[in-house]
Protein backbone atom coordinates (compact mmCIF):
# COMPACT_ATOMS: atom_id res chain seq x y z
CA MET A 1 94.16 103.69 122.87
CA SER A 2 91.92 100.68 122.36
CA ARG A 3 93.36 97.27 123.14
CA VAL A 4 94.27 94.68 120.52
CA THR A 5 91.99 91.68 120.97
CA LEU A 6 92.90 88.01 120.97
CA ALA A 7 90.59 87.60 117.97
CA GLN A 8 92.76 90.01 115.99
CA TRP A 9 95.87 87.98 116.76
CA HIS A 10 93.97 84.84 115.74
CA MET A 11 93.13 86.40 112.38
CA LEU A 12 96.67 87.64 111.79
CA ALA A 13 98.00 84.14 112.52
CA ALA A 14 95.50 82.66 110.08
CA VAL A 15 96.55 85.07 107.30
CA VAL A 16 100.22 84.16 107.85
CA ASP A 17 99.61 80.41 108.18
CA HIS A 18 97.49 80.26 105.00
CA GLY A 19 99.57 82.64 102.92
CA GLY A 20 96.98 85.34 102.33
CA PHE A 21 93.61 86.83 103.18
CA ALA A 22 91.53 84.77 100.75
CA ARG A 23 92.77 81.37 101.88
CA ALA A 24 92.67 82.36 105.55
CA ALA A 25 89.10 83.61 105.16
CA GLU A 26 88.06 80.26 103.70
CA ALA A 27 89.86 78.32 106.42
CA ILE A 28 88.41 80.15 109.42
CA HIS A 29 85.04 81.02 107.83
CA LYS A 30 85.46 84.78 107.82
CA SER A 31 85.21 87.17 104.90
CA PRO A 32 88.47 88.52 103.41
CA SER A 33 87.32 92.05 104.17
CA THR A 34 86.83 91.15 107.85
CA LEU A 35 90.36 89.78 108.08
CA ASN A 36 91.78 92.74 106.20
CA HIS A 37 90.05 95.19 108.50
CA ALA A 38 91.17 93.30 111.62
CA VAL A 39 94.84 93.26 110.60
CA HIS A 40 94.89 96.91 109.52
CA LYS A 41 93.15 97.86 112.77
CA LEU A 42 95.81 95.89 114.67
CA GLU A 43 98.60 97.76 112.87
CA GLU A 44 96.89 101.07 113.59
CA GLN A 45 96.50 100.26 117.28
CA LEU A 46 100.11 99.10 117.63
CA GLY A 47 101.62 101.73 115.38
CA VAL A 48 103.67 99.01 113.70
CA GLN A 49 103.42 97.43 110.25
CA VAL A 50 103.14 93.66 110.70
CA LEU A 51 102.49 92.55 107.10
CA GLU A 52 104.03 93.55 103.79
CA PRO A 53 102.97 92.57 100.25
CA VAL A 54 105.06 90.11 98.24
CA GLY A 55 103.51 89.78 94.77
CA ARG A 56 99.93 88.65 95.30
CA GLN A 57 100.67 87.35 98.81
CA VAL A 58 101.73 88.87 102.11
CA ARG A 59 104.45 88.10 104.60
CA LEU A 60 105.38 89.22 108.07
CA THR A 61 107.69 92.13 108.58
CA GLU A 62 110.56 91.71 111.03
CA ALA A 63 108.50 93.43 113.69
CA GLY A 64 105.50 91.31 112.73
CA GLU A 65 107.49 88.08 113.23
CA LEU A 66 108.46 89.11 116.75
CA LEU A 67 104.95 90.19 117.70
CA LEU A 68 103.22 87.15 116.23
CA ARG A 69 105.68 84.81 117.95
CA ARG A 70 104.66 86.32 121.28
CA ALA A 71 101.01 86.38 120.26
CA ARG A 72 101.01 82.65 119.49
CA GLN A 73 101.98 82.03 123.11
CA LEU A 74 98.92 84.04 124.19
CA ILE A 75 96.71 82.11 121.77
CA GLU A 76 97.97 78.76 123.10
CA SER A 77 97.55 79.92 126.71
CA ALA A 78 94.01 81.07 126.02
CA ALA A 79 93.15 77.73 124.40
CA SER A 80 94.60 75.90 127.38
CA LEU A 81 92.64 78.10 129.77
CA GLU A 82 89.41 77.40 127.90
CA ASP A 83 90.17 73.67 128.05
CA VAL A 84 90.67 73.84 131.81
CA ALA A 85 87.43 75.80 132.23
CA SER A 86 85.56 73.28 130.11
CA ARG A 87 86.89 70.37 132.16
CA LEU A 88 86.05 72.13 135.42
CA ALA A 89 82.53 72.74 134.16
CA GLU A 90 82.27 68.99 133.57
CA GLY A 91 83.34 68.33 137.16
CA LEU A 92 87.04 67.74 136.51
CA GLU A 93 89.17 68.03 139.61
CA ALA A 94 91.98 70.57 139.73
CA GLU A 95 94.11 68.10 141.71
CA VAL A 96 94.26 64.38 142.45
CA VAL A 97 95.88 63.16 145.68
CA VAL A 98 97.25 59.61 145.58
CA ALA A 99 98.88 57.65 148.39
CA ILE A 100 100.88 54.69 147.06
CA ASP A 101 102.78 52.27 149.25
CA GLN A 102 106.53 52.43 148.65
CA VAL A 103 106.69 48.76 147.69
CA PHE A 104 104.36 49.26 144.70
CA PRO A 105 106.28 48.46 141.47
CA ALA A 106 108.19 51.60 140.46
CA ASP A 107 107.86 50.98 136.71
CA ALA A 108 104.08 50.66 136.95
CA GLN A 109 103.85 53.80 139.07
CA ALA A 110 105.91 55.85 136.61
CA LYS A 111 103.97 54.51 133.62
CA ALA A 112 100.62 55.31 135.25
CA LEU A 113 101.63 58.88 136.09
CA GLU A 114 103.00 59.41 132.59
CA ARG A 115 99.80 58.11 130.99
CA PHE A 116 97.59 60.18 133.27
CA SER A 117 99.59 63.35 132.66
CA ALA A 118 99.33 62.92 128.90
CA ALA A 119 95.53 62.77 129.13
CA TYR A 120 95.08 65.39 131.88
CA PRO A 121 98.05 67.77 131.67
CA GLN A 122 96.25 70.52 133.60
CA VAL A 123 95.43 68.37 136.65
CA ARG A 124 97.95 68.57 139.46
CA VAL A 125 99.04 65.32 141.12
CA GLN A 126 100.08 64.96 144.73
CA LEU A 127 101.85 61.63 145.24
CA HIS A 128 102.41 60.46 148.81
CA GLU A 129 104.80 57.52 149.14
CA SER A 130 103.29 55.79 152.15
CA VAL A 131 104.23 52.79 154.27
CA LEU A 132 101.80 50.34 155.91
CA ASN A 133 99.10 52.40 157.69
CA GLY A 134 100.22 55.71 156.21
CA GLY A 135 97.88 55.42 153.23
CA VAL A 136 95.11 54.03 155.42
CA GLU A 137 95.31 57.05 157.70
CA MET A 138 95.16 59.47 154.75
CA LEU A 139 92.11 57.64 153.44
CA GLN A 140 90.32 57.74 156.78
CA ASP A 141 91.13 61.44 157.18
CA GLY A 142 89.81 62.19 153.69
CA ARG A 143 93.23 63.48 152.59
CA ALA A 144 93.69 61.10 149.64
CA ASP A 145 91.44 60.46 146.66
CA LEU A 146 93.08 57.10 145.89
CA VAL A 147 95.17 54.77 148.00
CA ILE A 148 97.21 51.69 147.13
CA CYS A 149 98.07 49.62 150.18
CA GLY A 150 98.41 46.07 151.38
CA LEU A 151 96.02 46.40 154.31
CA ASP A 152 92.27 46.11 154.64
CA VAL A 153 90.62 49.38 155.63
CA PRO A 154 87.44 49.16 157.76
CA GLY A 155 84.58 50.96 156.06
CA PHE A 156 86.17 50.88 152.59
CA LEU A 157 86.04 48.35 149.77
CA GLY A 158 89.28 47.74 147.93
CA GLU A 159 89.91 46.41 144.43
CA PRO A 160 92.65 43.75 144.10
CA LEU A 161 95.50 45.21 142.07
CA VAL A 162 98.88 43.49 142.33
CA GLY A 163 100.68 40.85 144.34
CA VAL A 164 104.08 42.03 145.57
CA ARG A 165 106.69 39.39 146.33
CA PHE A 166 109.32 40.06 148.97
CA ILE A 167 112.64 38.24 149.25
CA ALA A 168 115.16 38.20 152.10
CA VAL A 169 118.45 39.61 150.80
CA ALA A 170 121.86 40.83 151.93
CA HIS A 171 125.08 41.96 150.31
CA PRO A 172 127.07 38.98 148.92
CA SER A 173 129.85 39.63 151.46
CA HIS A 174 127.47 39.80 154.43
CA ALA A 175 128.29 37.51 157.34
CA LEU A 176 125.09 35.53 156.82
CA HIS A 177 126.29 34.44 153.38
CA LYS A 178 129.70 33.56 154.76
CA LEU A 179 128.12 30.89 156.95
CA GLY A 180 127.95 28.79 153.80
CA ARG A 181 124.83 26.84 154.69
CA SER A 182 121.06 27.00 154.80
CA LEU A 183 119.72 29.50 157.32
CA ASP A 184 116.79 29.60 159.70
CA LEU A 185 115.25 32.44 161.66
CA ARG A 186 117.57 31.83 164.63
CA ASP A 187 120.50 32.73 162.39
CA LEU A 188 118.84 35.98 161.35
CA ALA A 189 118.16 36.99 164.95
CA GLN A 190 121.88 37.52 165.52
CA TYR A 191 122.31 40.12 162.78
CA ARG A 192 121.01 43.62 161.99
CA GLN A 193 117.64 43.84 160.25
CA LEU A 194 116.63 46.91 158.25
CA VAL A 195 112.98 47.95 158.50
CA VAL A 196 110.97 50.75 156.87
CA ARG A 197 108.98 52.84 159.35
CA ASP A 198 105.19 53.02 159.13
CA SER A 199 104.34 56.47 157.74
CA ALA A 200 101.12 56.76 159.76
CA VAL A 201 101.11 59.30 162.59
CA ARG A 202 98.34 57.98 164.84
CA GLN A 203 98.21 54.25 164.20
CA SER A 204 101.67 53.17 163.13
CA ALA A 205 102.32 49.44 163.22
CA ASN A 206 105.11 46.96 162.68
CA ALA A 207 104.86 44.22 160.08
CA GLY A 208 106.90 41.24 159.01
CA TRP A 209 109.55 39.34 160.96
CA LEU A 210 111.08 41.67 163.58
CA LYS A 211 113.01 39.42 165.97
CA ALA A 212 116.55 40.47 165.13
CA GLU A 213 118.54 41.57 168.16
CA GLN A 214 119.71 44.58 166.18
CA ARG A 215 117.29 46.63 164.10
CA TRP A 216 117.57 49.87 162.19
CA THR A 217 114.32 51.59 161.21
CA VAL A 218 114.37 54.03 158.30
CA SER A 219 111.73 56.18 156.63
CA HIS A 220 112.09 55.17 152.99
CA LEU A 221 112.56 51.98 151.04
CA ASN A 222 115.42 53.50 149.05
CA THR A 223 117.35 54.18 152.26
CA SER A 224 116.96 50.57 153.30
CA LEU A 225 118.13 49.40 149.88
CA ASP A 226 121.20 51.65 150.01
CA MET A 227 122.17 50.30 153.42
CA ILE A 228 121.74 46.68 152.34
CA LYS A 229 123.99 47.30 149.33
CA ARG A 230 126.59 48.71 151.73
CA GLY A 231 126.51 45.49 153.75
CA LEU A 232 124.95 47.14 156.81
CA GLY A 233 122.13 44.65 157.31
CA PHE A 234 119.55 42.34 155.73
CA ALA A 235 115.90 42.89 154.85
CA TRP A 236 112.93 41.53 152.97
CA MET A 237 112.70 43.66 149.83
CA PRO A 238 110.10 43.74 147.02
CA ILE A 239 111.57 41.82 144.09
CA THR A 240 110.39 44.42 141.57
CA ARG A 241 112.56 47.04 143.33
CA ILE A 242 115.76 44.99 143.40
CA ALA A 243 115.67 43.06 140.12
CA GLN A 244 118.69 44.89 138.70
CA GLU A 245 120.70 44.51 141.92
CA LEU A 246 120.01 40.77 141.94
CA GLU A 247 120.98 40.45 138.27
CA ARG A 248 124.22 42.38 138.78
CA GLY A 249 125.07 40.45 141.92
CA ASP A 250 124.95 43.54 144.16
CA LEU A 251 122.47 41.69 146.36
CA LYS A 252 122.08 37.98 147.03
CA PRO A 253 119.03 36.09 148.35
CA LEU A 254 119.52 34.61 151.80
CA PRO A 255 119.42 30.77 151.69
CA LEU A 256 116.58 30.42 154.19
CA VAL A 257 115.09 27.00 154.77
CA ALA A 258 111.64 28.63 154.86
CA GLY A 259 110.24 32.14 154.75
CA GLY A 260 112.78 33.57 152.33
CA VAL A 261 110.04 34.65 149.93
CA ARG A 262 106.61 35.95 150.84
CA GLU A 263 103.85 37.67 148.92
CA ALA A 264 101.41 40.40 149.88
CA PRO A 265 98.32 41.40 147.87
CA PHE A 266 97.88 45.14 147.32
CA GLN A 267 94.60 46.83 146.55
CA LEU A 268 93.31 50.07 145.09
CA ILE A 269 90.86 52.01 147.27
CA PHE A 270 88.80 55.11 146.45
CA LYS A 271 87.99 57.69 149.10
CA ASP A 272 84.49 57.76 147.58
CA ARG A 273 84.08 55.98 144.24
CA ASP A 274 80.62 57.42 143.55
CA ARG A 275 81.67 61.02 144.14
CA ALA A 276 85.09 60.73 142.51
CA GLY A 277 85.58 62.97 139.51
CA PRO A 278 86.74 61.94 136.04
CA ALA A 279 90.41 62.65 136.79
CA THR A 280 90.40 60.38 139.85
CA HIS A 281 88.77 57.59 137.86
CA ALA A 282 91.29 58.14 135.06
CA MET A 283 94.17 57.86 137.54
CA ALA A 284 92.76 54.59 138.91
CA GLN A 285 92.43 53.20 135.39
CA ALA A 286 95.96 54.28 134.53
CA LEU A 287 97.31 52.47 137.59
CA LYS A 288 95.44 49.26 136.71
CA GLU A 289 96.56 49.33 133.10
CA ALA A 290 100.15 50.05 134.11
CA VAL A 291 100.23 47.03 136.43
CA ILE A 292 98.97 44.76 133.66
CA ALA A 293 101.50 46.21 131.20
CA GLU A 294 104.57 46.34 133.45
CA CYS A 295 104.12 43.32 135.71
CA PRO A 296 101.44 41.07 134.17
CA GLN A 297 102.60 38.03 136.13
CA ASP A 298 101.78 39.84 139.40
CA SER A 299 98.54 41.53 138.31
CA ILE A 300 95.44 40.53 140.28
CA SER A 301 93.18 43.37 139.14
CA SER A 302 89.49 42.67 138.60
CA ASN A 303 89.91 43.66 134.94
CA GLU A 304 92.15 40.67 134.39
CA THR A 305 90.34 38.13 136.54
CA ALA A 306 86.76 39.00 135.62
């Protein structure tokens, strides 16, 4: 038995959508006889009647409704496949690998990924949430197409993207707040500091003030935040990640005489800008636009300052 073709399903769908052979023929630029032959051939091949006459029009039979519903899924899948093939022919990547430092504003990150996915739904995204040299190492190893980090990378040129402000915080009931006075670094040295571990394997490094006698090192920013909220230590946290906690009073800034707030500039770096495909460039643009939209006061991208 010969196979029903996708073209036949296309023509059946057109006849149903346009209410008859004549209108469908005009809409898809086929002759009515061609459509009629295609549908009758389909019925013959399947051994099932899919259309029945109603006055001067036609409608689907019960069996026809079931079959066409399944066929529309095939039609949509085929169209999607052709779109992917077309994009690949144009040099579109099948996957984009992005390493973004954990302190990057979460709202901007989510907005960028949402915008990118809407434009390139068929491109897979691998997001690595890096810390310090973790993104640098992926860049140097050629394992990331784009990296957002707060460090300079020898041999690569970065594009200024966003300034991230950090603030020293602890739970309101923490012993440091109970001192009831301004604090200096000698006060902090007596209490537990929470630090996020560098995600690099070969060249991990420490950053920031690390002179507390007690120190817990964790692997993710969210773990550090959870522990601070439980009163288990203090840390410098990116303000964009703790805005709600500060507003609710779950966390309280430490009254440091100096050094309570610091800022670090983060940059966007391509593995190879000239060889990057359209999806990688689109992801970079989405990240820049998301920063400007979600945290305009912190944006330092070249688009804004040019």
